[in-house]
Amino acid sequence: MKTTLLFLLFSLLTATLSAQQPAKQVIYTDKAPKPIGPYSQAILSGNTLYAAGQIALDPETGKMDTLSIESEIQRVLKNLGAVLDAAGMTYGNIVKTTIYTTDLKYFKIINSIYGQYFKENPPARETVQVVALPAKAHVEISAIATK
């Protein structure tokens, strides 16, 4: 009797904990570039969105927007916005970003354009200079957002 009761309590606790685990949902939109590798544009787990890094690929043409560093940064943020929208979120839901750039000389320009998207209560972030980015991009931005 005691063993049966303990087993039932253990089973109930295990089922309750399993039910509380957030489901993993792949987020995809054709308004952002298709992934160029084995990854998702974003993953929604519970109320948290993990958005993969976006570069300046034009989702319609599949080509890089390299007219200028300014247009490249704008395209990166538009692509990120499309992924957010597909998850039912906005830039206001972002709590953390990581910016990768091939040259920190772009830091001031990045801040200027980035600031247009985050006027109040900007998310936490870091900016990191890297040797290279996919598709010869100069800037890549990833994000974490919550509902």
Protein backbone atom coordinates (compact mmCIF):
# COMPACT_ATOMS: atom_id res chain seq x y z
CA MET A 1 0.00 0.00 0.00
CA LYS A 2 2.76 2.42 1.01
CA THR A 3 4.77 1.59 -2.13
CA THR A 4 1.73 2.06 -4.36
CA LEU A 5 0.98 5.44 -2.80
CA LEU A 6 4.59 6.59 -3.25
CA PHE A 7 4.53 5.42 -6.87
CA LEU A 8 1.30 7.33 -7.55
CA LEU A 9 2.70 10.50 -5.95
CA PHE A 10 5.91 10.16 -7.95
CA SER A 11 3.93 9.64 -11.18
CA LEU A 12 1.75 12.66 -10.48
CA LEU A 13 4.78 14.86 -9.74
CA THR A 14 6.59 13.68 -12.88
CA ALA A 15 3.52 14.33 -15.05
CA THR A 16 3.11 17.82 -13.54
CA LEU A 17 6.74 18.73 -14.15
CA SER A 18 6.61 17.39 -17.72
CA ALA A 19 3.50 19.45 -18.45
CA GLN A 20 5.30 22.61 -17.31
CA GLN A 21 8.13 22.23 -19.81
CA PRO A 22 7.64 24.76 -22.64
CA ALA A 23 7.15 23.41 -26.13
CA LYS A 24 9.73 24.27 -28.76
CA GLN A 25 8.16 25.94 -31.79
CA VAL A 26 10.08 26.76 -34.97
CA ILE A 27 9.34 30.27 -36.26
CA TYR A 28 9.64 30.84 -40.00
CA THR A 29 8.63 33.63 -42.34
CA ASP A 30 9.33 34.20 -46.02
CA LYS A 31 9.60 37.93 -45.17
CA ALA A 32 13.08 37.25 -43.77
CA PRO A 33 15.92 35.42 -45.51
CA LYS A 34 15.82 31.64 -45.60
CA PRO A 35 18.46 30.14 -43.32
CA ILE A 36 21.72 29.51 -45.18
CA GLY A 37 22.59 26.57 -42.95
CA PRO A 38 21.04 23.95 -40.67
CA TYR A 39 19.30 26.35 -38.26
CA SER A 40 15.93 28.02 -37.76
CA GLN A 41 15.16 31.72 -38.12
CA ALA A 42 13.94 31.57 -34.53
CA ILE A 43 12.73 29.21 -31.83
CA LEU A 44 9.86 30.07 -29.51
CA SER A 45 10.08 28.23 -26.20
CA GLY A 46 7.30 29.16 -23.83
CA ASN A 47 7.18 32.97 -23.88
CA THR A 48 10.80 33.37 -24.98
CA LEU A 49 11.94 33.83 -28.57
CA TYR A 50 15.52 33.03 -29.57
CA ALA A 51 16.11 34.72 -32.92
CA ALA A 52 19.06 33.58 -35.00
CA GLY A 53 21.48 36.18 -36.26
CA GLN A 54 20.19 38.16 -39.20
CA ILE A 55 22.39 39.55 -41.95
CA ALA A 56 21.50 41.85 -44.83
CA LEU A 57 20.18 39.21 -47.23
CA ASP A 58 17.18 40.52 -49.14
CA PRO A 59 14.48 37.86 -48.66
CA GLU A 60 13.05 38.47 -52.14
CA THR A 61 16.28 38.23 -54.13
CA GLY A 62 18.51 36.23 -51.79
CA LYS A 63 21.28 38.76 -52.44
CA MET A 64 23.14 40.88 -49.92
CA ASP A 65 22.12 44.53 -49.53
CA THR A 66 25.57 46.09 -49.62
CA LEU A 67 24.76 49.46 -51.19
CA SER A 68 26.16 51.08 -48.02
CA ILE A 69 26.84 50.14 -44.42
CA GLU A 70 23.72 52.13 -43.49
CA SER A 71 21.49 50.18 -45.88
CA GLU A 72 23.05 46.93 -44.69
CA ILE A 73 22.23 47.71 -41.04
CA GLN A 74 18.68 48.79 -41.99
CA ARG A 75 18.15 45.49 -43.86
CA VAL A 76 19.48 43.47 -40.90
CA LEU A 77 17.01 45.17 -38.55
CA LYS A 78 14.13 44.79 -41.04
CA ASN A 79 14.89 41.07 -41.31
CA LEU A 80 14.94 40.79 -37.52
CA GLY A 81 11.61 42.67 -37.40
CA ALA A 82 10.06 40.19 -39.84
CA VAL A 83 11.08 37.27 -37.61
CA LEU A 84 9.68 39.06 -34.55
CA ASP A 85 6.42 39.70 -36.39
CA ALA A 86 6.13 36.03 -37.36
CA ALA A 87 6.29 35.21 -33.63
CA GLY A 88 3.68 37.86 -32.76
CA MET A 89 6.28 40.18 -31.25
CA THR A 90 7.85 43.58 -31.89
CA TYR A 91 11.19 45.24 -31.18
CA GLY A 92 9.67 46.22 -27.81
CA ASN A 93 9.71 42.55 -26.80
CA ILE A 94 13.48 42.24 -27.25
CA VAL A 95 15.37 41.92 -23.96
CA LYS A 96 18.85 41.11 -25.33
CA THR A 97 20.74 41.50 -28.59
CA THR A 98 24.17 40.59 -29.79
CA ILE A 99 25.70 42.60 -32.60
CA TYR A 100 28.58 41.16 -34.57
CA THR A 101 30.55 43.44 -36.88
CA THR A 102 33.63 42.93 -38.97
CA ASP A 103 34.96 46.36 -37.97
CA LEU A 104 34.25 48.43 -34.87
CA LYS A 105 34.71 51.56 -36.99
CA TYR A 106 30.99 51.00 -37.80
CA PHE A 107 30.07 51.25 -34.09
CA LYS A 108 28.79 54.85 -34.28
CA ILE A 109 26.73 54.16 -37.42
CA ILE A 110 25.34 50.94 -35.90
CA ASN A 111 24.31 52.84 -32.75
CA SER A 112 22.66 55.59 -34.76
CA ILE A 113 20.47 53.24 -36.81
CA TYR A 114 19.91 50.74 -33.97
CA GLY A 115 18.70 53.63 -31.79
CA GLN A 116 15.91 54.36 -34.29
CA TYR A 117 14.44 50.93 -33.47
CA PHE A 118 14.96 51.14 -29.69
CA LYS A 119 14.07 54.70 -28.63
CA GLU A 120 13.00 53.85 -25.07
CA ASN A 121 14.15 51.12 -22.72
CA PRO A 122 16.59 49.51 -25.15
CA PRO A 123 17.51 45.87 -24.58
CA ALA A 124 20.76 44.71 -23.03
CA ARG A 125 23.39 44.05 -25.68
CA GLU A 126 26.98 43.55 -26.57
CA THR A 127 28.80 44.46 -29.76
CA VAL A 128 31.62 42.19 -30.85
CA GLN A 129 34.14 42.58 -33.65
CA VAL A 130 34.68 39.35 -35.57
CA VAL A 131 37.03 38.36 -38.37
CA ALA A 132 34.27 37.46 -40.84
CA LEU A 133 30.53 36.88 -41.16
CA PRO A 134 28.50 34.72 -43.57
CA ALA A 135 27.96 36.01 -47.13
CA LYS A 136 30.60 38.74 -46.61
CA ALA A 137 28.23 40.62 -44.29
CA HIS A 138 29.60 43.47 -42.18
CA VAL A 139 26.90 43.25 -39.49
CA GLU A 140 24.84 40.46 -37.94
CA ILE A 141 22.32 40.83 -35.09
CA SER A 142 20.74 38.09 -32.98
CA ALA A 143 18.11 38.63 -30.30
CA ILE A 144 16.20 37.19 -27.38
CA ALA A 145 12.65 38.45 -26.88
CA THR A 146 9.88 37.71 -24.37
CA LYS A 147 6.11 38.12 -24.39
